[in-house]
Amino acid sequence: MTTIVPFLDQSDAELTKATHEIWMEFLEQVWRRGCLIEATQGHESLLKARQWTPEYYHFIKTLKKLLDPNNIMNPGLFF
């Protein structure tokens, strides 16, 4: 597993955007090469969910509805 924690000036919008774009390209390349991403939140989770079969997606969505009928836990994540 690789972790990158850039220390940068968050008020520099251009630098923040460029850093984010590089990170997203890295994640896309990881998936293309068949590596596993520890997907806990954000873009990584969405990228991982895109790899699910339709059947698995339906299963997870049904499970989420059963466990969280009011959609208060991580609303919008995966779905």
PDB file of N, CA and C in Angstrom:
ATOM      1  N   MET A   1       0.845  -1.179   0.000  1.00  0.00           N
ATOM      2  CA  MET A   1       0.000   0.000   0.000  1.00  0.00           C
ATOM      3  C   MET A   1       0.883   1.232   0.000  1.00  0.00           C
ATOM      4  N   THR A   2       0.480   2.197  -0.770  1.00  0.00           N
ATOM      5  CA  THR A   2       1.227   3.439  -0.859  1.00  0.00           C
ATOM      6  C   THR A   2       0.370   4.577  -0.338  1.00  0.00           C
ATOM      7  N   THR A   3       0.974   5.403   0.469  1.00  0.00           N
ATOM      8  CA  THR A   3       0.273   6.579   0.969  1.00  0.00           C
ATOM      9  C   THR A   3       1.114   7.801   0.648  1.00  0.00           C
ATOM     10  N   ILE A   4       0.440   8.799   0.131  1.00  0.00           N
ATOM     11  CA  ILE A   4       1.111  10.064  -0.168  1.00  0.00           C
ATOM     12  C   ILE A   4       0.382  11.151   0.603  1.00  0.00           C
ATOM     13  N   VAL A   5       1.114  11.863   1.419  1.00  0.00           N
ATOM     14  CA  VAL A   5       0.532  12.971   2.170  1.00  0.00           C
ATOM     15  C   VAL A   5       1.301  14.226   1.802  1.00  0.00           C
ATOM     16  N   PRO A   6       0.817  14.929   0.791  1.00  0.00           N
ATOM     17  CA  PRO A   6       1.535  16.142   0.402  1.00  0.00           C
ATOM     18  C   PRO A   6       1.254  17.279   1.379  1.00  0.00           C
ATOM     19  N   PHE A   7       2.312  17.955   1.748  1.00  0.00           N
ATOM     20  CA  PHE A   7       2.167  19.152   2.569  1.00  0.00           C
ATOM     21  C   PHE A   7       2.198  20.333   1.617  1.00  0.00           C
ATOM     22  N   LEU A   8       1.050  20.947   1.448  1.00  0.00           N
ATOM     23  CA  LEU A   8       0.992  22.060   0.527  1.00  0.00           C
ATOM     24  C   LEU A   8       0.065  23.132   1.074  1.00  0.00           C
ATOM     25  N   ASP A   9       0.212  24.274   0.532  1.00  0.00           N
ATOM     26  CA  ASP A   9      -0.591  25.425   0.934  1.00  0.00           C
ATOM     27  C   ASP A   9      -1.996  25.258   0.359  1.00  0.00           C
ATOM     28  N   GLN A  10      -2.969  24.924   1.210  1.00  0.00           N
ATOM     29  CA  GLN A  10      -4.328  24.680   0.756  1.00  0.00           C
ATOM     30  C   GLN A  10      -4.979  25.924   0.165  1.00  0.00           C
ATOM     31  N   SER A  11      -4.438  27.093   0.456  1.00  0.00           N
ATOM     32  CA  SER A  11      -5.008  28.310  -0.117  1.00  0.00           C
ATOM     33  C   SER A  11      -4.574  28.518  -1.572  1.00  0.00           C
ATOM     34  N   ASP A  12      -3.594  27.725  -2.033  1.00  0.00           N
ATOM     35  CA  ASP A  12      -3.143  27.794  -3.418  1.00  0.00           C
ATOM     36  C   ASP A  12      -4.019  26.847  -4.250  1.00  0.00           C
ATOM     37  N   ALA A  13      -5.079  27.385  -4.809  1.00  0.00           N
ATOM     38  CA  ALA A  13      -6.064  26.577  -5.522  1.00  0.00           C
ATOM     39  C   ALA A  13      -5.459  25.829  -6.710  1.00  0.00           C
ATOM     40  N   GLU A  14      -4.566  26.483  -7.429  1.00  0.00           N
ATOM     41  CA  GLU A  14      -3.956  25.846  -8.603  1.00  0.00           C
ATOM     42  C   GLU A  14      -3.102  24.641  -8.198  1.00  0.00           C
ATOM     43  N   LEU A  15      -2.311  24.792  -7.166  1.00  0.00           N
ATOM     44  CA  LEU A  15      -1.479  23.690  -6.682  1.00  0.00           C
ATOM     45  C   LEU A  15      -2.341  22.559  -6.128  1.00  0.00           C
ATOM     46  N   THR A  16      -3.354  22.906  -5.380  1.00  0.00           N
ATOM     47  CA  THR A  16      -4.254  21.892  -4.820  1.00  0.00           C
ATOM     48  C   THR A  16      -4.933  21.100  -5.931  1.00  0.00           C
ATOM     49  N   LYS A  17      -5.403  21.794  -6.964  1.00  0.00           N
ATOM     50  CA  LYS A  17      -6.052  21.131  -8.098  1.00  0.00           C
ATOM     51  C   LYS A  17      -5.075  20.218  -8.837  1.00  0.00           C
ATOM     52  N   ALA A  18      -3.866  20.697  -9.088  1.00  0.00           N
ATOM     53  CA  ALA A  18      -2.863  19.896  -9.789  1.00  0.00           C
ATOM     54  C   ALA A  18      -2.502  18.645  -8.990  1.00  0.00           C
ATOM     55  N   THR A  19      -2.348  18.796  -7.681  1.00  0.00           N
ATOM     56  CA  THR A  19      -2.024  17.650  -6.823  1.00  0.00           C
ATOM     57  C   THR A  19      -3.150  16.630  -6.862  1.00  0.00           C
ATOM     58  N   HIS A  20      -4.389  17.097  -6.801  1.00  0.00           N
ATOM     59  CA  HIS A  20      -5.545  16.204  -6.854  1.00  0.00           C
ATOM     60  C   HIS A  20      -5.603  15.463  -8.196  1.00  0.00           C
ATOM     61  N   GLU A  21      -5.360  16.151  -9.282  1.00  0.00           N
ATOM     62  CA  GLU A  21      -5.391  15.518 -10.603  1.00  0.00           C
ATOM     63  C   GLU A  21      -4.325  14.443 -10.738  1.00  0.00           C
ATOM     64  N   ILE A  22      -3.137  14.690 -10.203  1.00  0.00           N
ATOM     65  CA  ILE A  22      -2.069  13.693 -10.236  1.00  0.00           C
ATOM     66  C   ILE A  22      -2.476  12.457  -9.426  1.00  0.00           C
ATOM     67  N   TRP A  23      -3.067  12.685  -8.269  1.00  0.00           N
ATOM     68  CA  TRP A  23      -3.507  11.576  -7.422  1.00  0.00           C
ATOM     69  C   TRP A  23      -4.592  10.749  -8.121  1.00  0.00           C
ATOM     70  N   MET A  24      -5.536  11.394  -8.783  1.00  0.00           N
ATOM     71  CA  MET A  24      -6.599  10.675  -9.474  1.00  0.00           C
ATOM     72  C   MET A  24      -6.036   9.844 -10.625  1.00  0.00           C
ATOM     73  N   GLU A  25      -5.078  10.383 -11.355  1.00  0.00           N
ATOM     74  CA  GLU A  25      -4.439   9.632 -12.438  1.00  0.00           C
ATOM     75  C   GLU A  25      -3.687   8.431 -11.876  1.00  0.00           C
ATOM     76  N   PHE A  26      -3.017   8.602 -10.747  1.00  0.00           N
ATOM     77  CA  PHE A  26      -2.331   7.492 -10.093  1.00  0.00           C
ATOM     78  C   PHE A  26      -3.322   6.372  -9.773  1.00  0.00           C
ATOM     79  N   LEU A  27      -4.466   6.728  -9.193  1.00  0.00           N
ATOM     80  CA  LEU A  27      -5.458   5.720  -8.835  1.00  0.00           C
ATOM     81  C   LEU A  27      -5.992   4.989 -10.068  1.00  0.00           C
ATOM     82  N   GLU A  28      -6.233   5.737 -11.141  1.00  0.00           N
ATOM     83  CA  GLU A  28      -6.700   5.102 -12.380  1.00  0.00           C
ATOM     84  C   GLU A  28      -5.655   4.112 -12.904  1.00  0.00           C
ATOM     85  N   GLN A  29      -4.393   4.486 -12.880  1.00  0.00           N
ATOM     86  CA  GLN A  29      -3.319   3.606 -13.350  1.00  0.00           C
ATOM     87  C   GLN A  29      -3.201   2.356 -12.481  1.00  0.00           C
ATOM     88  N   VAL A  30      -3.384   2.510 -11.187  1.00  0.00           N
ATOM     89  CA  VAL A  30      -3.337   1.364 -10.277  1.00  0.00           C
ATOM     90  C   VAL A  30      -4.398   0.347 -10.682  1.00  0.00           C
ATOM     91  N   TRP A  31      -5.629   0.825 -10.908  1.00  0.00           N
ATOM     92  CA  TRP A  31      -6.707  -0.087 -11.307  1.00  0.00           C
ATOM     93  C   TRP A  31      -6.426  -0.747 -12.647  1.00  0.00           C
ATOM     94  N   ARG A  32      -5.935   0.009 -13.604  1.00  0.00           N
ATOM     95  CA  ARG A  32      -5.652  -0.550 -14.935  1.00  0.00           C
ATOM     96  C   ARG A  32      -4.629  -1.672 -14.869  1.00  0.00           C
ATOM     97  N   ARG A  33      -3.771  -1.633 -13.893  1.00  0.00           N
ATOM     98  CA  ARG A  33      -2.732  -2.649 -13.754  1.00  0.00           C
ATOM     99  C   ARG A  33      -3.144  -3.795 -12.826  1.00  0.00           C
ATOM    100  N   GLY A  34      -4.391  -3.761 -12.375  1.00  0.00           N
ATOM    101  CA  GLY A  34      -4.906  -4.863 -11.580  1.00  0.00           C
ATOM    102  C   GLY A  34      -4.534  -4.846 -10.113  1.00  0.00           C
ATOM    103  N   CYS A  35      -4.083  -3.718  -9.618  1.00  0.00           N
ATOM    104  CA  CYS A  35      -3.724  -3.632  -8.205  1.00  0.00           C
ATOM    105  C   CYS A  35      -4.953  -3.287  -7.376  1.00  0.00           C
ATOM    106  N   LEU A  36      -4.901  -3.632  -6.124  1.00  0.00           N
ATOM    107  CA  LEU A  36      -6.000  -3.359  -5.209  1.00  0.00           C
ATOM    108  C   LEU A  36      -5.745  -2.054  -4.476  1.00  0.00           C
ATOM    109  N   ILE A  37      -6.775  -1.242  -4.395  1.00  0.00           N
ATOM    110  CA  ILE A  37      -6.707   0.005  -3.656  1.00  0.00           C
ATOM    111  C   ILE A  37      -7.470  -0.180  -2.357  1.00  0.00           C
ATOM    112  N   GLU A  38      -6.894   0.238  -1.270  1.00  0.00           N
ATOM    113  CA  GLU A  38      -7.614   0.255  -0.005  1.00  0.00           C
ATOM    114  C   GLU A  38      -8.610   1.393  -0.098  1.00  0.00           C
ATOM    115  N   ALA A  39      -9.851   1.067  -0.386  1.00  0.00           N
ATOM    116  CA  ALA A  39     -10.849   2.081  -0.679  1.00  0.00           C
ATOM    117  C   ALA A  39     -11.744   2.316   0.518  1.00  0.00           C
ATOM    118  N   THR A  40     -11.485   3.370   1.226  1.00  0.00           N
ATOM    119  CA  THR A  40     -12.266   3.640   2.415  1.00  0.00           C
ATOM    120  C   THR A  40     -13.203   4.824   2.251  1.00  0.00           C
ATOM    121  N   GLN A  41     -12.893   5.714   1.345  1.00  0.00           N
ATOM    122  CA  GLN A  41     -13.733   6.897   1.199  1.00  0.00           C
ATOM    123  C   GLN A  41     -13.428   7.623  -0.101  1.00  0.00           C
ATOM    124  N   GLY A  42     -14.274   8.556  -0.429  1.00  0.00           N
ATOM    125  CA  GLY A  42     -14.022   9.454  -1.549  1.00  0.00           C
ATOM    126  C   GLY A  42     -13.862   8.768  -2.888  1.00  0.00           C
ATOM    127  N   HIS A  43     -12.979   9.312  -3.697  1.00  0.00           N
ATOM    128  CA  HIS A  43     -12.773   8.845  -5.067  1.00  0.00           C
ATOM    129  C   HIS A  43     -12.374   7.377  -5.112  1.00  0.00           C
ATOM    130  N   GLU A  44     -11.564   6.931  -4.152  1.00  0.00           N
ATOM    131  CA  GLU A  44     -11.132   5.537  -4.147  1.00  0.00           C
ATOM    132  C   GLU A  44     -12.325   4.595  -4.053  1.00  0.00           C
ATOM    133  N   SER A  45     -13.300   4.930  -3.224  1.00  0.00           N
ATOM    134  CA  SER A  45     -14.492   4.095  -3.087  1.00  0.00           C
ATOM    135  C   SER A  45     -15.302   4.064  -4.366  1.00  0.00           C
ATOM    136  N   LEU A  46     -15.454   5.205  -4.997  1.00  0.00           N
ATOM    137  CA  LEU A  46     -16.207   5.256  -6.245  1.00  0.00           C
ATOM    138  C   LEU A  46     -15.493   4.481  -7.343  1.00  0.00           C
ATOM    139  N   LEU A  47     -14.175   4.577  -7.376  1.00  0.00           N
ATOM    140  CA  LEU A  47     -13.393   3.852  -8.366  1.00  0.00           C
ATOM    141  C   LEU A  47     -13.546   2.350  -8.156  1.00  0.00           C
ATOM    142  N   LYS A  48     -13.510   1.921  -6.919  1.00  0.00           N
ATOM    143  CA  LYS A  48     -13.656   0.499  -6.612  1.00  0.00           C
ATOM    144  C   LYS A  48     -15.056   0.013  -6.980  1.00  0.00           C
ATOM    145  N   ALA A  49     -16.071   0.793  -6.667  1.00  0.00           N
ATOM    146  CA  ALA A  49     -17.453   0.391  -6.955  1.00  0.00           C
ATOM    147  C   ALA A  49     -17.690   0.228  -8.453  1.00  0.00           C
ATOM    148  N   ARG A  50     -16.963   0.969  -9.280  1.00  0.00           N
ATOM    149  CA  ARG A  50     -17.119   0.833 -10.737  1.00  0.00           C
ATOM    150  C   ARG A  50     -16.695  -0.552 -11.226  1.00  0.00           C
ATOM    151  N   GLN A  51     -15.909  -1.269 -10.436  1.00  0.00           N
ATOM    152  CA  GLN A  51     -15.416  -2.587 -10.831  1.00  0.00           C
ATOM    153  C   GLN A  51     -16.388  -3.706 -10.458  1.00  0.00           C
ATOM    154  N   TRP A  52     -17.417  -3.399  -9.677  1.00  0.00           N
ATOM    155  CA  TRP A  52     -18.359  -4.422  -9.233  1.00  0.00           C
ATOM    156  C   TRP A  52     -19.217  -4.917 -10.377  1.00  0.00           C
ATOM    157  N   THR A  53     -19.597  -6.176 -10.311  1.00  0.00           N
ATOM    158  CA  THR A  53     -20.560  -6.704 -11.270  1.00  0.00           C
ATOM    159  C   THR A  53     -21.934  -6.108 -10.947  1.00  0.00           C
ATOM    160  N   PRO A  54     -22.853  -6.091 -11.902  1.00  0.00           N
ATOM    161  CA  PRO A  54     -24.201  -5.578 -11.608  1.00  0.00           C
ATOM    162  C   PRO A  54     -24.878  -6.336 -10.464  1.00  0.00           C
ATOM    163  N   GLU A  55     -24.638  -7.633 -10.404  1.00  0.00           N
ATOM    164  CA  GLU A  55     -25.243  -8.435  -9.341  1.00  0.00           C
ATOM    165  C   GLU A  55     -24.706  -8.032  -7.974  1.00  0.00           C
ATOM    166  N   TYR A  56     -23.397  -7.835  -7.868  1.00  0.00           N
ATOM    167  CA  TYR A  56     -22.799  -7.449  -6.598  1.00  0.00           C
ATOM    168  C   TYR A  56     -23.257  -6.037  -6.205  1.00  0.00           C
ATOM    169  N   TYR A  57     -23.322  -5.149  -7.164  1.00  0.00           N
ATOM    170  CA  TYR A  57     -23.797  -3.787  -6.912  1.00  0.00           C
ATOM    171  C   TYR A  57     -25.208  -3.820  -6.330  1.00  0.00           C
ATOM    172  N   HIS A  58     -26.090  -4.624  -6.955  1.00  0.00           N
ATOM    173  CA  HIS A  58     -27.465  -4.743  -6.474  1.00  0.00           C
ATOM    174  C   HIS A  58     -27.494  -5.315  -5.054  1.00  0.00           C
ATOM    175  N   PHE A  59     -26.669  -6.321  -4.798  1.00  0.00           N
ATOM    176  CA  PHE A  59     -26.594  -6.914  -3.458  1.00  0.00           C
ATOM    177  C   PHE A  59     -26.179  -5.875  -2.418  1.00  0.00           C
ATOM    178  N   ILE A  60     -25.130  -5.124  -2.705  1.00  0.00           N
ATOM    179  CA  ILE A  60     -24.632  -4.121  -1.764  1.00  0.00           C
ATOM    180  C   ILE A  60     -25.667  -3.013  -1.567  1.00  0.00           C
ATOM    181  N   LYS A  61     -26.310  -2.591  -2.649  1.00  0.00           N
ATOM    182  CA  LYS A  61     -27.322  -1.548  -2.547  1.00  0.00           C
ATOM    183  C   LYS A  61     -28.507  -2.016  -1.691  1.00  0.00           C
ATOM    184  N   THR A  62     -28.920  -3.259  -1.867  1.00  0.00           N
ATOM    185  CA  THR A  62     -30.007  -3.825  -1.067  1.00  0.00           C
ATOM    186  C   THR A  62     -29.593  -3.912   0.403  1.00  0.00           C
ATOM    187  N   LEU A  63     -28.385  -4.370   0.656  1.00  0.00           N
ATOM    188  CA  LEU A  63     -27.868  -4.466   2.025  1.00  0.00           C
ATOM    189  C   LEU A  63     -27.815  -3.091   2.676  1.00  0.00           C
ATOM    190  N   LYS A  64     -27.356  -2.095   1.934  1.00  0.00           N
ATOM    191  CA  LYS A  64     -27.295  -0.726   2.449  1.00  0.00           C
ATOM    192  C   LYS A  64     -28.691  -0.231   2.830  1.00  0.00           C
ATOM    193  N   LYS A  65     -29.694  -0.508   1.997  1.00  0.00           N
ATOM    194  CA  LYS A  65     -31.057  -0.075   2.297  1.00  0.00           C
ATOM    195  C   LYS A  65     -31.598  -0.752   3.557  1.00  0.00           C
ATOM    196  N   LEU A  66     -31.232  -2.022   3.746  1.00  0.00           N
ATOM    197  CA  LEU A  66     -31.687  -2.744   4.933  1.00  0.00           C
ATOM    198  C   LEU A  66     -31.026  -2.212   6.208  1.00  0.00           C
ATOM    199  N   LEU A  67     -29.744  -1.946   6.128  1.00  0.00           N
ATOM    200  CA  LEU A  67     -29.000  -1.497   7.305  1.00  0.00           C
ATOM    201  C   LEU A  67     -29.149  -0.008   7.586  1.00  0.00           C
ATOM    202  N   ASP A  68     -29.448   0.760   6.549  1.00  0.00           N
ATOM    203  CA  ASP A  68     -29.503   2.215   6.676  1.00  0.00           C
ATOM    204  C   ASP A  68     -30.678   2.768   5.864  1.00  0.00           C
ATOM    205  N   PRO A  69     -31.918   2.466   6.291  1.00  0.00           N
ATOM    206  CA  PRO A  69     -33.078   2.868   5.486  1.00  0.00           C
ATOM    207  C   PRO A  69     -33.232   4.376   5.319  1.00  0.00           C
ATOM    208  N   ASN A  70     -32.680   5.164   6.220  1.00  0.00           N
ATOM    209  CA  ASN A  70     -32.792   6.623   6.119  1.00  0.00           C
ATOM    210  C   ASN A  70     -31.576   7.263   5.449  1.00  0.00           C
ATOM    211  N   ASN A  71     -30.649   6.431   4.969  1.00  0.00           N
ATOM    212  CA  ASN A  71     -29.453   6.892   4.250  1.00  0.00           C
ATOM    213  C   ASN A  71     -28.681   7.967   5.022  1.00  0.00           C
ATOM    214  N   ILE A  72     -28.431   7.690   6.303  1.00  0.00           N
ATOM    215  CA  ILE A  72     -27.679   8.649   7.113  1.00  0.00           C
ATOM    216  C   ILE A  72     -26.202   8.290   7.230  1.00  0.00           C
ATOM    217  N   MET A  73     -25.855   7.030   6.917  1.00  0.00           N
ATOM    218  CA  MET A  73     -24.453   6.616   6.964  1.00  0.00           C
ATOM    219  C   MET A  73     -23.835   6.778   5.575  1.00  0.00           C
ATOM    220  N   ASN A  74     -22.859   7.640   5.460  1.00  0.00           N
ATOM    221  CA  ASN A  74     -22.158   7.884   4.197  1.00  0.00           C
ATOM    222  C   ASN A  74     -23.108   8.092   3.016  1.00  0.00           C
ATOM    223  N   PRO A  75     -23.983   9.076   3.120  1.00  0.00           N
ATOM    224  CA  PRO A  75     -24.915   9.313   2.009  1.00  0.00           C
ATOM    225  C   PRO A  75     -24.167   9.628   0.715  1.00  0.00           C
ATOM    226  N   GLY A  76     -24.619   8.988  -0.350  1.00  0.00           N
ATOM    227  CA  GLY A  76     -24.006   9.232  -1.657  1.00  0.00           C
ATOM    228  C   GLY A  76     -22.784   8.396  -1.958  1.00  0.00           C
ATOM    229  N   LEU A  77     -22.254   7.674  -0.982  1.00  0.00           N
ATOM    230  CA  LEU A  77     -21.075   6.868  -1.232  1.00  0.00           C
ATOM    231  C   LEU A  77     -21.470   5.598  -1.984  1.00  0.00           C
ATOM    232  N   PHE A  78     -20.809   5.310  -3.071  1.00  0.00           N
ATOM    233  CA  PHE A  78     -21.034   4.192  -3.966  1.00  0.00           C
ATOM    234  C   PHE A  78     -22.258   4.384  -4.862  1.00  0.00           C
ATOM    235  N   PHE A  79     -23.336   4.976  -4.359  1.00  0.00           N
ATOM    236  CA  PHE A  79     -24.595   4.988  -5.098  1.00  0.00           C
ATOM    237  C   PHE A  79     -25.002   6.399  -5.462  1.00  0.00           C
TER     238      PHE A  79
END
